[in-house]
Amino acid sequence: MTKDKDNMDDNKIYGQIKRAYAEKSVRKRIEALFLDNLGKVLTSDQIKTVARDPVTGKQPENWHQRLSELRTDDGYTILTWRN
């Protein structure tokens, strides 16, 4: 495969941060990121970036708990590399 072809395939697999996520809660920002990237692979760095407070830029320590809540409380099927 050529490098350009590899990049095209990556774009089909990996999600992107498509906008500024200004939702008030960490959980809602992460949820919006996943909904914008249904069926795509998101990295922890992407999730952490979106989890940052849009005003202060601070990354919450508990972003992974909010992700877990999307699975358990809201019923989303979010796979990890372990699945």
Protein backbone atom coordinates (compact mmCIF):
# COMPACT_ATOMS: atom_id res chain seq x y z
CA MET A 1 0.00 0.00 0.00
CA THR A 2 1.17 3.51 -0.66
CA LYS A 3 1.48 6.08 2.09
CA ASP A 4 -1.49 8.05 0.68
CA LYS A 5 -3.61 4.89 0.66
CA ASP A 6 -2.60 4.15 4.27
CA ASN A 7 -3.68 7.66 5.31
CA MET A 8 -7.02 7.21 3.54
CA ASP A 9 -7.58 3.93 5.38
CA ASP A 10 -6.67 5.57 8.70
CA ASN A 11 -9.29 8.26 8.08
CA LYS A 12 -11.91 5.55 7.69
CA ILE A 13 -10.92 3.89 10.98
CA TYR A 14 -9.93 6.73 13.30
CA GLY A 15 -12.21 9.47 14.55
CA GLN A 16 -11.42 13.15 14.71
CA ILE A 17 -12.12 16.08 16.97
CA LYS A 18 -14.51 17.83 14.61
CA ARG A 19 -15.43 20.93 16.56
CA ALA A 20 -15.00 22.81 19.80
CA TYR A 21 -16.82 20.84 22.47
CA ALA A 22 -18.28 23.45 24.80
CA GLU A 23 -20.85 21.32 26.61
CA LYS A 24 -20.96 22.18 30.31
CA SER A 25 -20.08 18.76 31.71
CA VAL A 26 -17.15 16.46 31.02
CA ARG A 27 -19.54 13.60 30.42
CA LYS A 28 -21.55 15.54 27.83
CA ARG A 29 -18.39 16.64 25.99
CA ILE A 30 -17.13 13.05 25.81
CA GLU A 31 -20.57 11.82 24.73
CA ALA A 32 -20.68 14.43 21.95
CA LEU A 33 -17.23 13.34 20.72
CA PHE A 34 -18.35 9.72 20.47
CA LEU A 35 -21.63 10.64 18.77
CA ASP A 36 -19.66 12.68 16.21
CA ASN A 37 -17.48 9.61 15.54
CA LEU A 38 -19.83 6.61 15.55
CA GLY A 39 -18.05 3.44 14.53
CA LYS A 40 -14.63 5.10 14.68
CA VAL A 41 -11.61 4.50 16.90
CA LEU A 42 -10.84 7.32 19.32
CA THR A 43 -7.59 7.60 21.24
CA SER A 44 -7.30 8.42 24.91
CA ASP A 45 -5.49 11.63 23.91
CA GLN A 46 -8.52 12.70 21.86
CA ILE A 47 -10.87 11.94 24.75
CA LYS A 48 -8.64 13.82 27.21
CA THR A 49 -8.48 16.83 24.89
CA VAL A 50 -12.28 17.02 24.64
CA ALA A 51 -12.67 16.43 28.38
CA ARG A 52 -10.70 19.62 29.13
CA ASP A 53 -12.70 22.47 30.58
CA PRO A 54 -13.45 24.79 27.64
CA VAL A 55 -12.94 27.88 29.84
CA THR A 56 -9.91 27.00 31.97
CA GLY A 57 -8.32 24.36 29.74
CA LYS A 58 -7.85 22.12 32.78
CA GLN A 59 -7.97 18.39 32.20
CA PRO A 60 -10.14 16.62 34.75
CA GLU A 61 -8.54 13.76 36.63
CA ASN A 62 -11.74 11.74 36.46
CA TRP A 63 -12.36 11.77 32.69
CA HIS A 64 -12.15 7.96 32.62
CA GLN A 65 -14.94 7.73 35.20
CA ARG A 66 -17.18 9.87 33.01
CA LEU A 67 -16.42 7.51 30.12
CA SER A 68 -17.36 4.56 32.32
CA GLU A 69 -20.64 6.28 33.23
CA LEU A 70 -21.54 6.52 29.54
CA ARG A 71 -21.26 2.73 29.43
CA THR A 72 -22.97 1.86 32.69
CA ASP A 73 -25.50 4.64 33.25
CA ASP A 74 -26.41 5.53 29.67
CA GLY A 75 -25.97 2.08 28.11
CA TYR A 76 -23.48 3.01 25.39
CA THR A 77 -21.36 0.20 23.97
CA ILE A 78 -17.87 1.67 23.97
CA LEU A 79 -15.14 -0.85 23.23
CA THR A 80 -11.53 -0.59 24.33
CA TRP A 81 -8.39 -2.16 22.95
CA ARG A 82 -8.99 -4.96 25.48
CA ASN A 83 -12.26 -5.99 23.81
